[in-house]
């Protein structure tokens, strides 16, 4: 191996989870903090964490209503009465002068 190009290796690195579990392993970082580990992950523990889906659904509905209102006001502003051929000719003749 070449010298001075590899990071320092810590054979007693500690990984600390938010649940309180401490894992000792080898790493290039002496200490790490993680949010979830094998001791508290629902896949490994078999426990399900239920989240409030109603809040998310209500938020989605609110956002879609807001977007629909915004879109309808934008289209109302753009609607103009159609110009007649005579009005178009006047505009074109003014631009040519």
N, C-alpha and C. Protein backbone atom coordinates (compact mmCIF):
# COMPACT_ATOMS: atom_id res chain seq x y z
N UNK A 1 0.84 -1.19 0.00
CA UNK A 1 0.00 0.00 0.00
C UNK A 1 0.88 1.25 0.00
N UNK A 2 0.38 2.27 -0.69
CA UNK A 2 1.11 3.54 -0.68
C UNK A 2 0.93 4.23 0.66
N UNK A 3 1.94 4.97 1.06
CA UNK A 3 1.87 5.68 2.32
C UNK A 3 1.21 7.04 2.13
N UNK A 4 0.56 7.52 3.18
CA UNK A 4 -0.05 8.85 3.27
C UNK A 4 -1.20 9.11 2.31
N UNK A 5 -1.85 8.07 1.79
CA UNK A 5 -3.02 8.31 0.95
C UNK A 5 -4.29 7.68 1.54
N UNK A 6 -4.15 6.81 2.52
CA UNK A 6 -5.29 6.14 3.11
C UNK A 6 -5.73 6.84 4.39
N UNK A 7 -7.05 6.89 4.64
CA UNK A 7 -7.51 7.51 5.89
C UNK A 7 -7.15 6.65 7.10
N UNK A 8 -7.13 7.25 8.25
CA UNK A 8 -6.80 6.53 9.48
C UNK A 8 -7.94 5.57 9.81
N UNK A 9 -7.62 4.36 10.19
CA UNK A 9 -8.61 3.34 10.51
C UNK A 9 -8.72 3.19 12.02
N UNK A 10 -9.96 3.29 12.53
CA UNK A 10 -10.23 3.13 13.95
C UNK A 10 -10.88 1.75 14.14
N UNK A 11 -10.20 0.86 14.83
CA UNK A 11 -10.73 -0.49 15.02
C UNK A 11 -11.78 -0.54 16.14
N UNK A 12 -11.86 0.51 16.95
CA UNK A 12 -12.84 0.55 18.04
C UNK A 12 -13.84 1.70 17.86
N UNK A 13 -14.30 1.94 16.64
CA UNK A 13 -15.27 3.01 16.37
C UNK A 13 -16.61 2.66 17.00
N UNK A 14 -17.32 3.69 17.50
CA UNK A 14 -18.61 3.48 18.16
C UNK A 14 -19.73 4.09 17.31
N UNK A 15 -20.77 3.30 17.10
CA UNK A 15 -21.96 3.78 16.40
C UNK A 15 -23.07 3.84 17.44
N UNK A 16 -23.64 5.02 17.65
CA UNK A 16 -24.68 5.21 18.65
C UNK A 16 -26.00 5.50 17.96
N UNK A 17 -27.02 4.73 18.28
CA UNK A 17 -28.36 4.90 17.70
C UNK A 17 -29.20 5.79 18.62
N UNK A 18 -30.25 6.38 18.06
CA UNK A 18 -31.12 7.24 18.86
C UNK A 18 -31.91 6.44 19.89
N UNK A 19 -32.04 5.13 19.69
CA UNK A 19 -32.73 4.28 20.67
C UNK A 19 -31.84 3.95 21.87
N UNK A 20 -30.55 4.25 21.76
CA UNK A 20 -29.63 4.00 22.86
C UNK A 20 -28.69 2.83 22.60
N UNK A 21 -28.89 2.11 21.55
CA UNK A 21 -28.05 0.96 21.21
C UNK A 21 -26.67 1.45 20.75
N UNK A 22 -25.60 0.83 21.27
CA UNK A 22 -24.23 1.19 20.90
C UNK A 22 -23.57 -0.02 20.23
N UNK A 23 -23.01 0.22 19.05
CA UNK A 23 -22.36 -0.84 18.29
C UNK A 23 -20.88 -0.48 18.15
N UNK A 24 -20.00 -1.42 18.42
CA UNK A 24 -18.57 -1.17 18.24
C UNK A 24 -18.11 -1.94 17.00
N UNK A 25 -17.42 -1.22 16.12
CA UNK A 25 -16.96 -1.80 14.86
C UNK A 25 -15.73 -1.05 14.39
N UNK A 26 -15.20 -1.44 13.25
CA UNK A 26 -14.06 -0.74 12.67
C UNK A 26 -14.54 0.23 11.59
N UNK A 27 -13.93 1.41 11.56
CA UNK A 27 -14.35 2.43 10.60
C UNK A 27 -13.26 3.49 10.46
N UNK A 28 -13.42 4.34 9.46
CA UNK A 28 -12.49 5.46 9.28
C UNK A 28 -12.95 6.68 10.06
N UNK A 29 -14.12 6.58 10.70
CA UNK A 29 -14.65 7.65 11.55
C UNK A 29 -14.70 7.12 12.98
N UNK A 30 -14.18 7.85 13.97
CA UNK A 30 -14.13 7.31 15.33
C UNK A 30 -15.50 7.18 16.00
N UNK A 31 -16.47 8.04 15.64
CA UNK A 31 -17.77 8.00 16.29
C UNK A 31 -18.86 8.44 15.32
N UNK A 32 -19.98 7.67 15.30
CA UNK A 32 -21.11 8.01 14.42
C UNK A 32 -22.39 7.97 15.22
N UNK A 33 -23.36 8.83 14.83
CA UNK A 33 -24.68 8.80 15.44
C UNK A 33 -25.69 8.55 14.33
N UNK A 34 -26.55 7.55 14.55
CA UNK A 34 -27.54 7.19 13.55
C UNK A 34 -28.94 7.27 14.16
N UNK A 35 -29.97 7.31 13.30
CA UNK A 35 -31.34 7.42 13.77
C UNK A 35 -32.01 6.08 13.99
N UNK A 36 -31.60 5.09 13.22
CA UNK A 36 -32.27 3.79 13.30
C UNK A 36 -31.25 2.67 13.12
N UNK A 37 -31.44 1.58 13.82
CA UNK A 37 -30.52 0.45 13.73
C UNK A 37 -31.31 -0.86 13.71
N UNK A 38 -30.64 -1.97 13.71
CA UNK A 38 -31.29 -3.26 13.68
C UNK A 38 -32.09 -3.56 14.94
N UNK A 39 -31.77 -2.92 16.05
CA UNK A 39 -32.49 -3.16 17.30
C UNK A 39 -33.83 -2.43 17.35
N UNK A 40 -33.97 -1.36 16.57
CA UNK A 40 -35.21 -0.59 16.63
C UNK A 40 -35.93 -0.49 15.28
N UNK A 41 -35.37 -1.03 14.21
CA UNK A 41 -36.01 -0.98 12.89
C UNK A 41 -37.21 -1.91 12.85
N UNK A 42 -38.37 -1.44 12.34
CA UNK A 42 -39.58 -2.27 12.33
C UNK A 42 -39.43 -3.58 11.54
N UNK A 43 -38.61 -3.60 10.52
CA UNK A 43 -38.42 -4.81 9.74
C UNK A 43 -37.80 -5.92 10.59
N UNK A 44 -36.85 -5.56 11.44
CA UNK A 44 -36.16 -6.55 12.26
C UNK A 44 -36.89 -6.86 13.56
N UNK A 45 -37.62 -5.88 14.10
CA UNK A 45 -38.31 -6.10 15.37
C UNK A 45 -39.68 -6.71 15.19
N UNK A 46 -40.30 -6.54 14.02
CA UNK A 46 -41.63 -7.07 13.77
C UNK A 46 -42.73 -6.14 14.25
N UNK A 47 -42.37 -5.00 14.78
CA UNK A 47 -43.37 -4.02 15.25
C UNK A 47 -43.61 -3.01 14.14
N UNK A 48 -44.88 -2.65 13.98
CA UNK A 48 -45.25 -1.68 12.95
C UNK A 48 -45.47 -0.32 13.58
N UNK A 49 -44.95 0.71 12.96
CA UNK A 49 -45.23 2.07 13.40
C UNK A 49 -46.28 2.63 12.46
N UNK A 50 -47.41 3.00 13.01
CA UNK A 50 -48.48 3.54 12.19
C UNK A 50 -48.39 5.05 12.20
N UNK A 51 -48.43 5.62 11.02
CA UNK A 51 -48.37 7.06 10.89
C UNK A 51 -49.76 7.59 10.60
N UNK A 52 -50.00 8.80 10.96
CA UNK A 52 -51.30 9.42 10.72
C UNK A 52 -51.43 9.77 9.24
N UNK A 53 -52.17 8.96 8.51
CA UNK A 53 -52.35 9.18 7.08
C UNK A 53 -53.40 10.24 6.81
N UNK A 54 -54.31 10.45 7.76
CA UNK A 54 -55.37 11.43 7.53
C UNK A 54 -54.80 12.83 7.38
N UNK A 55 -53.80 13.15 8.13
CA UNK A 55 -53.18 14.47 8.02
C UNK A 55 -52.56 14.68 6.66
N UNK A 56 -51.96 13.65 6.11
CA UNK A 56 -51.33 13.75 4.80
C UNK A 56 -52.38 13.88 3.70
N UNK A 57 -53.48 13.14 3.83
CA UNK A 57 -54.54 13.20 2.84
C UNK A 57 -55.18 14.58 2.85
N UNK A 58 -55.45 15.09 4.04
CA UNK A 58 -56.05 16.43 4.15
C UNK A 58 -55.13 17.49 3.56
N UNK A 59 -53.86 17.36 3.81
CA UNK A 59 -52.90 18.32 3.27
C UNK A 59 -52.87 18.26 1.74
N UNK A 60 -52.92 17.04 1.20
CA UNK A 60 -52.93 16.87 -0.25
C UNK A 60 -54.18 17.51 -0.87
N UNK A 61 -55.34 17.26 -0.28
CA UNK A 61 -56.58 17.85 -0.78
C UNK A 61 -56.53 19.37 -0.73
N UNK A 62 -56.00 19.90 0.34
CA UNK A 62 -55.89 21.35 0.50
C UNK A 62 -54.99 21.94 -0.59
N UNK A 63 -53.88 21.29 -0.86
CA UNK A 63 -52.96 21.77 -1.89
C UNK A 63 -53.57 21.70 -3.29
N UNK A 64 -54.31 20.63 -3.57
CA UNK A 64 -54.94 20.52 -4.89
C UNK A 64 -56.03 21.55 -5.09
N UNK A 65 -56.81 21.85 -4.03
CA UNK A 65 -57.83 22.89 -4.12
C UNK A 65 -57.18 24.25 -4.37
N UNK A 66 -56.10 24.50 -3.68
CA UNK A 66 -55.38 25.77 -3.83
C UNK A 66 -54.85 25.92 -5.25
N UNK A 67 -54.31 24.84 -5.80
CA UNK A 67 -53.78 24.87 -7.16
C UNK A 67 -54.90 25.07 -8.17
N UNK A 68 -56.05 24.45 -7.95
CA UNK A 68 -57.18 24.61 -8.87
C UNK A 68 -57.69 26.04 -8.87
N UNK A 69 -57.77 26.65 -7.70
CA UNK A 69 -58.22 28.04 -7.60
C UNK A 69 -57.23 28.95 -8.31
N UNK A 70 -55.97 28.71 -8.10
CA UNK A 70 -54.92 29.53 -8.73
C UNK A 70 -54.98 29.40 -10.25
N UNK A 71 -55.21 28.19 -10.73
CA UNK A 71 -55.27 27.95 -12.17
C UNK A 71 -56.50 28.62 -12.78
N UNK A 72 -57.64 28.56 -12.09
CA UNK A 72 -58.86 29.16 -12.62
C UNK A 72 -58.76 30.69 -12.67
N UNK A 73 -58.12 31.30 -11.68
CA UNK A 73 -57.96 32.76 -11.70
C UNK A 73 -56.98 33.18 -12.80
N UNK A 74 -55.98 32.35 -13.06
CA UNK A 74 -55.02 32.67 -14.11
C UNK A 74 -55.68 32.60 -15.49
N UNK A 75 -56.56 31.64 -15.71
CA UNK A 75 -57.23 31.53 -17.01
C UNK A 75 -58.26 32.64 -17.20
N UNK A 76 -58.88 33.11 -16.14
CA UNK A 76 -59.85 34.21 -16.25
C UNK A 76 -59.17 35.49 -16.67
N UNK A 77 -57.97 35.73 -16.18
CA UNK A 77 -57.24 36.94 -16.54
C UNK A 77 -56.83 36.92 -18.00
N UNK A 78 -56.54 35.76 -18.54
CA UNK A 78 -56.07 35.66 -19.92
C UNK A 78 -57.19 35.76 -20.95
N UNK A 79 -58.43 35.47 -20.54
CA UNK A 79 -59.54 35.49 -21.48
C UNK A 79 -59.83 36.92 -21.92
N UNK A 80 -59.84 37.15 -23.23
CA UNK A 80 -60.15 38.45 -23.81
C UNK A 80 -61.12 38.23 -24.95
N UNK A 81 -61.92 39.24 -25.24
CA UNK A 81 -62.83 39.07 -26.38
C UNK A 81 -62.02 39.02 -27.68
N UNK A 82 -62.52 38.23 -28.61
CA UNK A 82 -61.82 38.07 -29.89
C UNK A 82 -61.90 39.36 -30.70
N UNK A 83 -60.82 39.70 -31.37
CA UNK A 83 -60.79 40.91 -32.19
C UNK A 83 -61.39 40.61 -33.56
N UNK A 84 -62.02 41.64 -34.12
CA UNK A 84 -62.58 41.49 -35.46
C UNK A 84 -61.47 41.69 -36.49
N UNK A 85 -61.76 41.36 -37.73
CA UNK A 85 -60.77 41.50 -38.79
C UNK A 85 -60.40 42.97 -38.98
N UNK A 86 -61.36 43.87 -38.81
CA UNK A 86 -61.09 45.29 -38.97
C UNK A 86 -60.12 45.79 -37.90
N UNK A 87 -60.28 45.33 -36.66
CA UNK A 87 -59.40 45.74 -35.58
C UNK A 87 -57.98 45.21 -35.81
N UNK A 88 -57.87 44.00 -36.32
CA UNK A 88 -56.56 43.41 -36.62
C UNK A 88 -55.86 44.20 -37.71
N UNK A 89 -56.61 44.62 -38.76
CA UNK A 89 -56.03 45.39 -39.86
C UNK A 89 -55.52 46.74 -39.36
N UNK A 90 -56.25 47.37 -38.42
CA UNK A 90 -55.82 48.65 -37.86
C UNK A 90 -54.49 48.50 -37.13
N UNK A 91 -54.37 47.46 -36.35
CA UNK A 91 -53.15 47.22 -35.58
C UNK A 91 -51.98 46.95 -36.52
N UNK A 92 -52.20 46.15 -37.56
CA UNK A 92 -51.14 45.82 -38.50
C UNK A 92 -50.72 47.05 -39.28
N UNK A 93 -51.69 47.88 -39.69
CA UNK A 93 -51.34 49.08 -40.46
C UNK A 93 -50.59 50.09 -39.61
N UNK A 94 -50.87 50.18 -38.31
CA UNK A 94 -50.14 51.09 -37.42
C UNK A 94 -48.69 50.63 -37.25
N UNK A 95 -48.47 49.33 -37.21
CA UNK A 95 -47.11 48.80 -37.05
C UNK A 95 -46.27 49.04 -38.30
N UNK A 96 -46.89 49.02 -39.47
CA UNK A 96 -46.15 49.24 -40.71
C UNK A 96 -45.69 50.67 -40.86
N UNK A 97 -46.40 51.63 -40.29
CA UNK A 97 -46.05 53.05 -40.43
C UNK A 97 -44.88 53.40 -39.64
